[in-house]
Protein backbone atom coordinates (compact mmCIF):
# COMPACT_ATOMS: atom_id res chain seq x y z
CA MET A 1 137.32 29.43 199.74
CA THR A 2 140.77 30.46 198.53
CA VAL A 3 140.66 31.67 194.94
CA GLN A 4 143.59 30.40 192.92
CA PRO A 5 144.90 32.16 189.83
CA PHE A 6 143.31 31.01 186.59
CA ASN A 7 145.81 28.60 185.04
CA SER A 8 146.20 25.05 183.80
CA GLN A 9 146.74 23.73 187.31
CA VAL A 10 143.38 24.97 188.61
CA ILE A 11 141.64 23.78 185.42
CA GLY A 12 143.20 20.34 185.86
CA GLN A 13 142.30 20.17 189.54
CA ALA A 14 138.66 20.91 188.75
CA HIS A 15 138.62 18.36 185.93
CA TYR A 16 140.20 15.56 187.95
CA ALA A 17 138.06 16.23 191.02
CA ALA A 18 134.87 16.04 188.95
CA ARG A 19 136.17 13.03 187.02
CA ALA A 20 136.95 11.23 190.30
CA LEU A 21 133.32 11.67 191.35
CA LEU A 22 132.14 10.13 188.09
CA GLN A 23 134.68 7.31 188.31
CA ARG A 24 133.38 6.54 191.80
CA GLU A 25 129.92 6.10 190.24
CA LEU A 26 131.37 3.97 187.44
CA ALA A 27 133.29 1.71 189.84
CA GLY A 28 130.48 -0.79 190.20
CA THR A 29 129.53 -0.86 186.53
CA GLY A 30 132.52 -2.68 185.06
CA ILE A 31 133.32 0.19 182.67
CA GLY A 32 135.87 2.96 182.85
CA PHE A 33 135.82 6.62 181.94
CA GLU A 34 136.83 6.05 178.31
CA GLN A 35 134.15 3.41 177.86
CA ASN A 36 131.55 5.66 179.44
CA LEU A 37 132.42 8.36 176.91
CA ALA A 38 132.03 5.81 174.10
CA LEU A 39 128.58 4.80 175.35
CA ASN A 40 127.56 8.46 175.65
CA ALA A 41 128.77 9.25 172.13
CA THR A 42 126.89 6.26 170.74
CA ALA A 43 123.71 7.27 172.57
CA ALA A 44 124.06 10.87 171.34
CA ALA A 45 124.30 9.53 167.78
CA GLY A 46 120.94 7.81 168.19
CA GLY A 47 122.23 4.46 169.45
CA THR A 48 124.32 3.56 166.40
CA ILE A 49 127.60 5.13 165.35
CA ASP A 50 130.31 4.61 162.76
CA ARG A 51 133.21 2.80 164.45
CA ALA A 52 135.86 5.05 162.87
CA ALA A 53 133.97 8.15 163.98
CA LEU A 54 133.77 6.81 167.52
CA VAL A 55 137.48 6.00 167.58
CA ALA A 56 138.20 9.52 166.29
CA ARG A 57 135.99 11.01 168.99
CA LEU A 58 137.76 9.06 171.72
CA THR A 59 141.25 9.85 170.46
CA GLY A 60 140.40 13.49 169.85
CA SER A 61 138.56 14.13 173.09
CA LEU A 62 140.68 12.10 175.46
CA LYS A 63 144.03 12.47 173.69
CA ILE A 64 144.54 8.71 173.74
CA ASP A 65 146.01 6.64 170.95
CA THR A 66 144.00 4.49 168.57
CA GLY A 67 145.02 1.30 170.37
CA ALA A 68 143.60 2.56 173.66
CA ALA A 69 140.37 3.62 171.95
CA GLU A 70 140.04 0.24 170.24
CA ALA A 71 140.71 -1.53 173.55
CA ALA A 72 137.91 0.48 175.20
CA LEU A 73 135.51 -0.52 172.41
CA ALA A 74 136.60 -4.16 172.58
CA GLY A 75 135.88 -4.15 176.30
CA LEU A 76 132.39 -2.80 175.66
CA ALA A 77 131.77 -5.45 173.02
CA ASP A 78 133.08 -8.20 175.30
CA ALA A 79 130.75 -6.99 178.05
CA GLY A 80 127.78 -7.09 175.66
CA LEU A 81 127.24 -3.33 175.78
CA LEU A 82 128.11 -2.56 172.13
CA ALA A 83 127.44 -4.79 169.14
CA PRO A 84 128.35 -4.61 165.45
CA ALA A 85 125.87 -2.69 163.30
CA GLY A 86 126.18 -2.87 159.55
CA PRO A 87 129.53 -3.09 157.85
CA ALA A 88 131.31 -0.42 159.92
CA GLY A 89 129.06 0.56 162.77
CA LEU A 90 128.51 -0.09 166.44
CA ALA A 91 125.22 -0.05 168.28
CA LEU A 92 124.20 0.05 171.90
CA THR A 93 122.74 -3.21 173.07
CA HIS A 94 119.75 -3.16 175.39
CA GLU A 95 122.15 -3.57 178.32
CA GLY A 96 124.45 -0.86 176.93
CA ALA A 97 121.59 1.61 176.55
CA ALA A 98 120.37 0.90 180.08
CA LEU A 99 123.85 1.36 181.55
CA GLN A 100 124.42 4.54 179.55
CA ALA A 101 121.14 5.97 180.84
CA ARG A 102 122.11 5.17 184.44
CA THR A 103 125.58 6.66 184.14
CA ALA A 104 124.26 9.76 182.34
CA GLU A 105 121.79 10.27 185.16
CA ALA A 106 124.59 9.94 187.72
CA ALA A 107 126.77 12.39 185.76
CA ALA A 108 123.91 14.89 185.55
CA ALA A 109 123.37 14.64 189.31
CA ILE A 110 127.08 15.27 189.93
CA ALA A 111 127.08 18.26 187.59
CA GLY A 112 123.95 19.59 189.25
CA ARG A 113 125.62 19.49 192.66
CA LEU A 114 128.91 20.95 191.44
CA TYR A 115 127.41 23.75 189.35
CA ALA A 116 124.61 24.67 191.79
CA GLY A 117 124.53 28.36 192.58
CA ILE A 118 127.03 29.42 189.94
CA PRO A 119 125.62 32.55 188.34
CA PRO A 120 124.78 31.97 184.65
CA GLU A 121 127.01 34.83 183.55
CA ASP A 122 129.99 33.29 185.37
CA ALA A 123 129.25 29.90 183.83
CA ALA A 124 129.11 31.52 180.38
CA VAL A 125 132.49 33.20 180.88
CA ALA A 126 134.03 29.95 182.12
CA GLY A 127 132.60 28.11 179.13
CA ARG A 128 134.03 30.63 176.69
CA LEU A 129 137.46 30.58 178.34
CA LEU A 130 137.70 26.80 178.51
CA THR A 131 136.54 26.46 174.91
CA LEU A 132 139.19 28.94 173.78
CA ILE A 133 141.93 27.16 175.75
CA ALA A 134 140.89 23.78 174.31
CA GLU A 135 140.85 25.21 170.77
CA ARG A 136 144.35 26.65 171.21
CA ALA A 137 145.74 23.45 172.72
CA ASN A 138 144.17 21.35 169.96
CA ALA A 139 145.62 23.68 167.31
CA GLU A 140 149.08 23.25 168.82
CA LEU A 141 148.66 19.49 168.94
CA ALA A 142 147.55 19.46 165.31
CA GLY A 143 150.59 21.47 164.32
CA ALA A 144 153.03 19.18 166.10
């Protein structure tokens, strides 16, 4: 293994390689990466989430615009995976919860394979560094 210098290029290569593995798993589901994130966020919120909070999570995490986030949610609603809940909420349908569980299991298996054998102290350092870089980038974006 050739060790590359720690920079944005190597971070991006790792991200896109891992994302490609997940997208390969998602290919047969009818949902994309953004929609998978929306299902995961809804599941993490207990199965129901405020629509505005979910849009904010998608735009903030993925750096997409509101229109793209709304389009992802509309696709999930059209597919019967998310349904309205209360005046401003969205809820996983039975089908949405089942799909989210399957994709989360697939993502966990991918992570397990990719992170296998990495010493915990190295993983902790990587986590701290990537968190710091994300915080700095987000601060710059907020200041723009």
